[in-house]
Amino acid sequence: MTPITFVRETLRMAAGDLAARPLRSVLSMTSFAIGIAITTVLVSMGNGLATAVGQILKSMGEGQIAVTPGRTTGIGGQRRSGRPIRLRYHDVENLKFPPSIEGVAAYFDLRGGGASSYR
């Protein structure tokens, strides 16, 4: 069978199938179109969301570093591993020593407070 004959036979069978089952053909084409439309909408929404989040984060303050309390590191089972580190208000004054930091401001959040620096 030559390639041209193969293509003709395939198209003839496809046309015959479409004519024999028109409702199935319409429903299949509709489902493909809906799937492509949904994919397009979701991809564009994802791109828009990424752009919006980037702009929000940039507007919050470029060059800011937030220091929050955490936990000590270490191998499990050691006495001091995993203990919480607390930041007190007087710790904010100690953060001002590097000359590269322009300003330090304490803030309070529900998880235990922290300090924020600018540049």
C-alpha atoms as a PDB file:
ATOM      1  CA  MET A   1       0.000   0.000   0.000  1.00  0.00           C
ATOM      2  CA  THR A   2       1.473   3.350  -1.023  1.00  0.00           C
ATOM      3  CA  PRO A   3       1.421   6.338   1.317  1.00  0.00           C
ATOM      4  CA  ILE A   4      -1.101   8.216  -0.843  1.00  0.00           C
ATOM      5  CA  THR A   5      -3.454   5.228  -0.861  1.00  0.00           C
ATOM      6  CA  PHE A   6      -3.077   4.903   2.900  1.00  0.00           C
ATOM      7  CA  VAL A   7      -4.002   8.574   3.457  1.00  0.00           C
ATOM      8  CA  ARG A   8      -6.998   8.304   1.073  1.00  0.00           C
ATOM      9  CA  GLU A   9      -8.260   5.178   2.814  1.00  0.00           C
ATOM     10  CA  THR A  10      -7.856   6.790   6.251  1.00  0.00           C
ATOM     11  CA  LEU A  11      -9.776   9.906   5.184  1.00  0.00           C
ATOM     12  CA  ARG A  12     -12.517   7.756   3.583  1.00  0.00           C
ATOM     13  CA  MET A  13     -12.928   5.746   6.788  1.00  0.00           C
ATOM     14  CA  ALA A  14     -12.977   8.927   8.914  1.00  0.00           C
ATOM     15  CA  ALA A  15     -15.649  10.522   6.689  1.00  0.00           C
ATOM     16  CA  GLY A  16     -17.729   7.354   6.834  1.00  0.00           C
ATOM     17  CA  ASP A  17     -17.478   7.243  10.630  1.00  0.00           C
ATOM     18  CA  LEU A  18     -18.453  10.926  10.891  1.00  0.00           C
ATOM     19  CA  ALA A  19     -21.485  10.341   8.686  1.00  0.00           C
ATOM     20  CA  ALA A  20     -22.550   7.212  10.572  1.00  0.00           C
ATOM     21  CA  ARG A  21     -22.348   8.818  14.049  1.00  0.00           C
ATOM     22  CA  PRO A  22     -22.899  12.585  13.769  1.00  0.00           C
ATOM     23  CA  LEU A  23     -23.838  13.127  17.432  1.00  0.00           C
ATOM     24  CA  ARG A  24     -20.687  11.387  18.666  1.00  0.00           C
ATOM     25  CA  SER A  25     -18.619  13.491  16.266  1.00  0.00           C
ATOM     26  CA  VAL A  26     -20.175  16.756  17.453  1.00  0.00           C
ATOM     27  CA  LEU A  27     -19.752  15.825  21.106  1.00  0.00           C
ATOM     28  CA  SER A  28     -16.105  14.821  20.587  1.00  0.00           C
ATOM     29  CA  MET A  29     -15.290  18.061  18.777  1.00  0.00           C
ATOM     30  CA  THR A  30     -17.101  20.066  21.460  1.00  0.00           C
ATOM     31  CA  SER A  31     -15.171  18.346  24.252  1.00  0.00           C
ATOM     32  CA  PHE A  32     -11.859  19.015  22.477  1.00  0.00           C
ATOM     33  CA  ALA A  33     -12.756  22.687  22.031  1.00  0.00           C
ATOM     34  CA  ILE A  34     -13.789  23.051  25.677  1.00  0.00           C
ATOM     35  CA  GLY A  35     -10.591  21.336  26.849  1.00  0.00           C
ATOM     36  CA  ILE A  36      -8.418  23.666  24.780  1.00  0.00           C
ATOM     37  CA  ALA A  37     -10.343  26.733  26.011  1.00  0.00           C
ATOM     38  CA  ILE A  38     -10.037  25.677  29.660  1.00  0.00           C
ATOM     39  CA  THR A  39      -6.307  25.029  29.269  1.00  0.00           C
ATOM     40  CA  THR A  40      -5.809  28.445  27.670  1.00  0.00           C
ATOM     41  CA  VAL A  41      -7.739  30.205  30.441  1.00  0.00           C
ATOM     42  CA  LEU A  42      -5.869  28.390  33.227  1.00  0.00           C
ATOM     43  CA  VAL A  43      -2.447  29.104  31.723  1.00  0.00           C
ATOM     44  CA  SER A  44      -3.252  32.801  31.263  1.00  0.00           C
ATOM     45  CA  MET A  45      -4.656  33.037  34.802  1.00  0.00           C
ATOM     46  CA  GLY A  46      -1.478  31.426  36.165  1.00  0.00           C
ATOM     47  CA  ASN A  47       0.711  33.896  34.273  1.00  0.00           C
ATOM     48  CA  GLY A  48      -1.406  36.825  35.468  1.00  0.00           C
ATOM     49  CA  LEU A  49      -1.286  35.589  39.058  1.00  0.00           C
ATOM     50  CA  ALA A  50       2.493  35.233  38.938  1.00  0.00           C
ATOM     51  CA  THR A  51       2.826  38.782  37.619  1.00  0.00           C
ATOM     52  CA  ALA A  52       0.437  40.159  40.258  1.00  0.00           C
ATOM     53  CA  VAL A  53       2.235  38.411  43.123  1.00  0.00           C
ATOM     54  CA  GLY A  54       5.573  39.699  41.840  1.00  0.00           C
ATOM     55  CA  GLN A  55       4.260  43.267  41.766  1.00  0.00           C
ATOM     56  CA  ILE A  56       2.777  42.943  45.262  1.00  0.00           C
ATOM     57  CA  LEU A  57       6.055  41.633  46.671  1.00  0.00           C
ATOM     58  CA  LYS A  58       8.013  44.376  44.913  1.00  0.00           C
ATOM     59  CA  SER A  59       5.687  47.062  46.296  1.00  0.00           C
ATOM     60  CA  MET A  60       6.098  45.734  49.846  1.00  0.00           C
ATOM     61  CA  GLY A  61       9.629  47.039  49.875  1.00  0.00           C
ATOM     62  CA  GLU A  62      12.629  46.319  47.775  1.00  0.00           C
ATOM     63  CA  GLY A  63      15.774  45.729  49.790  1.00  0.00           C
ATOM     64  CA  GLN A  64      14.038  44.789  53.034  1.00  0.00           C
ATOM     65  CA  ILE A  65      15.000  41.842  55.184  1.00  0.00           C
ATOM     66  CA  ALA A  66      12.667  40.427  57.818  1.00  0.00           C
ATOM     67  CA  VAL A  67      14.211  38.594  60.769  1.00  0.00           C
ATOM     68  CA  THR A  68      11.846  36.283  62.612  1.00  0.00           C
ATOM     69  CA  PRO A  69      12.375  33.933  65.512  1.00  0.00           C
ATOM     70  CA  GLY A  70      13.131  30.333  64.671  1.00  0.00           C
ATOM     71  CA  ARG A  71      14.620  27.210  66.208  1.00  0.00           C
ATOM     72  CA  THR A  72      18.151  26.067  66.882  1.00  0.00           C
ATOM     73  CA  THR A  73      19.693  23.563  64.510  1.00  0.00           C
ATOM     74  CA  GLY A  74      21.421  20.391  65.460  1.00  0.00           C
ATOM     75  CA  ILE A  75      21.213  16.666  65.289  1.00  0.00           C
ATOM     76  CA  GLY A  76      18.106  15.254  66.907  1.00  0.00           C
ATOM     77  CA  GLY A  77      18.536  14.073  70.450  1.00  0.00           C
ATOM     78  CA  GLN A  78      20.949  16.798  71.498  1.00  0.00           C
ATOM     79  CA  ARG A  79      19.864  18.912  74.446  1.00  0.00           C
ATOM     80  CA  ARG A  80      19.831  22.199  72.563  1.00  0.00           C
ATOM     81  CA  SER A  81      18.515  21.087  69.164  1.00  0.00           C
ATOM     82  CA  GLY A  82      15.110  22.362  68.147  1.00  0.00           C
ATOM     83  CA  ARG A  83      14.729  24.922  70.943  1.00  0.00           C
ATOM     84  CA  PRO A  84      12.867  28.106  70.035  1.00  0.00           C
ATOM     85  CA  ILE A  85      14.855  31.313  69.585  1.00  0.00           C
ATOM     86  CA  ARG A  86      13.044  34.391  70.868  1.00  0.00           C
ATOM     87  CA  LEU A  87      13.661  37.966  69.743  1.00  0.00           C
ATOM     88  CA  ARG A  88      13.225  40.598  72.424  1.00  0.00           C
ATOM     89  CA  TYR A  89      12.793  44.320  71.901  1.00  0.00           C
ATOM     90  CA  HIS A  90      16.342  45.093  73.070  1.00  0.00           C
ATOM     91  CA  ASP A  91      17.645  42.702  70.360  1.00  0.00           C
ATOM     92  CA  VAL A  92      16.464  45.220  67.754  1.00  0.00           C
ATOM     93  CA  GLU A  93      19.058  47.731  69.004  1.00  0.00           C
ATOM     94  CA  ASN A  94      21.817  45.138  68.582  1.00  0.00           C
ATOM     95  CA  LEU A  95      20.890  44.666  64.916  1.00  0.00           C
ATOM     96  CA  LYS A  96      21.915  48.244  64.047  1.00  0.00           C
ATOM     97  CA  PHE A  97      25.679  47.675  64.210  1.00  0.00           C
ATOM     98  CA  PRO A  98      26.416  46.824  60.519  1.00  0.00           C
ATOM     99  CA  PRO A  99      26.947  50.059  58.533  1.00  0.00           C
ATOM    100  CA  SER A 100      25.153  48.553  55.544  1.00  0.00           C
ATOM    101  CA  ILE A 101      21.818  48.605  57.407  1.00  0.00           C
ATOM    102  CA  GLU A 102      20.018  51.926  57.106  1.00  0.00           C
ATOM    103  CA  GLY A 103      17.298  51.383  59.668  1.00  0.00           C
ATOM    104  CA  VAL A 104      15.748  48.761  61.931  1.00  0.00           C
ATOM    105  CA  ALA A 105      12.137  48.642  63.052  1.00  0.00           C
ATOM    106  CA  ALA A 106      10.542  46.146  65.405  1.00  0.00           C
ATOM    107  CA  TYR A 107       7.164  44.714  64.532  1.00  0.00           C
ATOM    108  CA  PHE A 108       4.812  42.311  66.218  1.00  0.00           C
ATOM    109  CA  ASP A 109       3.039  39.432  64.615  1.00  0.00           C
ATOM    110  CA  LEU A 110       0.933  36.707  66.158  1.00  0.00           C
ATOM    111  CA  ARG A 111       3.752  34.174  65.892  1.00  0.00           C
ATOM    112  CA  GLY A 112       6.091  35.996  68.235  1.00  0.00           C
ATOM    113  CA  GLY A 113       7.464  39.201  66.736  1.00  0.00           C
ATOM    114  CA  GLY A 114      10.535  40.015  64.724  1.00  0.00           C
ATOM    115  CA  ALA A 115      12.618  42.862  63.317  1.00  0.00           C
ATOM    116  CA  SER A 116      12.757  44.424  59.882  1.00  0.00           C
ATOM    117  CA  SER A 117      15.685  46.256  58.249  1.00  0.00           C
ATOM    118  CA  TYR A 118      15.837  48.587  55.272  1.00  0.00           C
ATOM    119  CA  ARG A 119      18.794  48.266  52.833  1.00  0.00           C
END
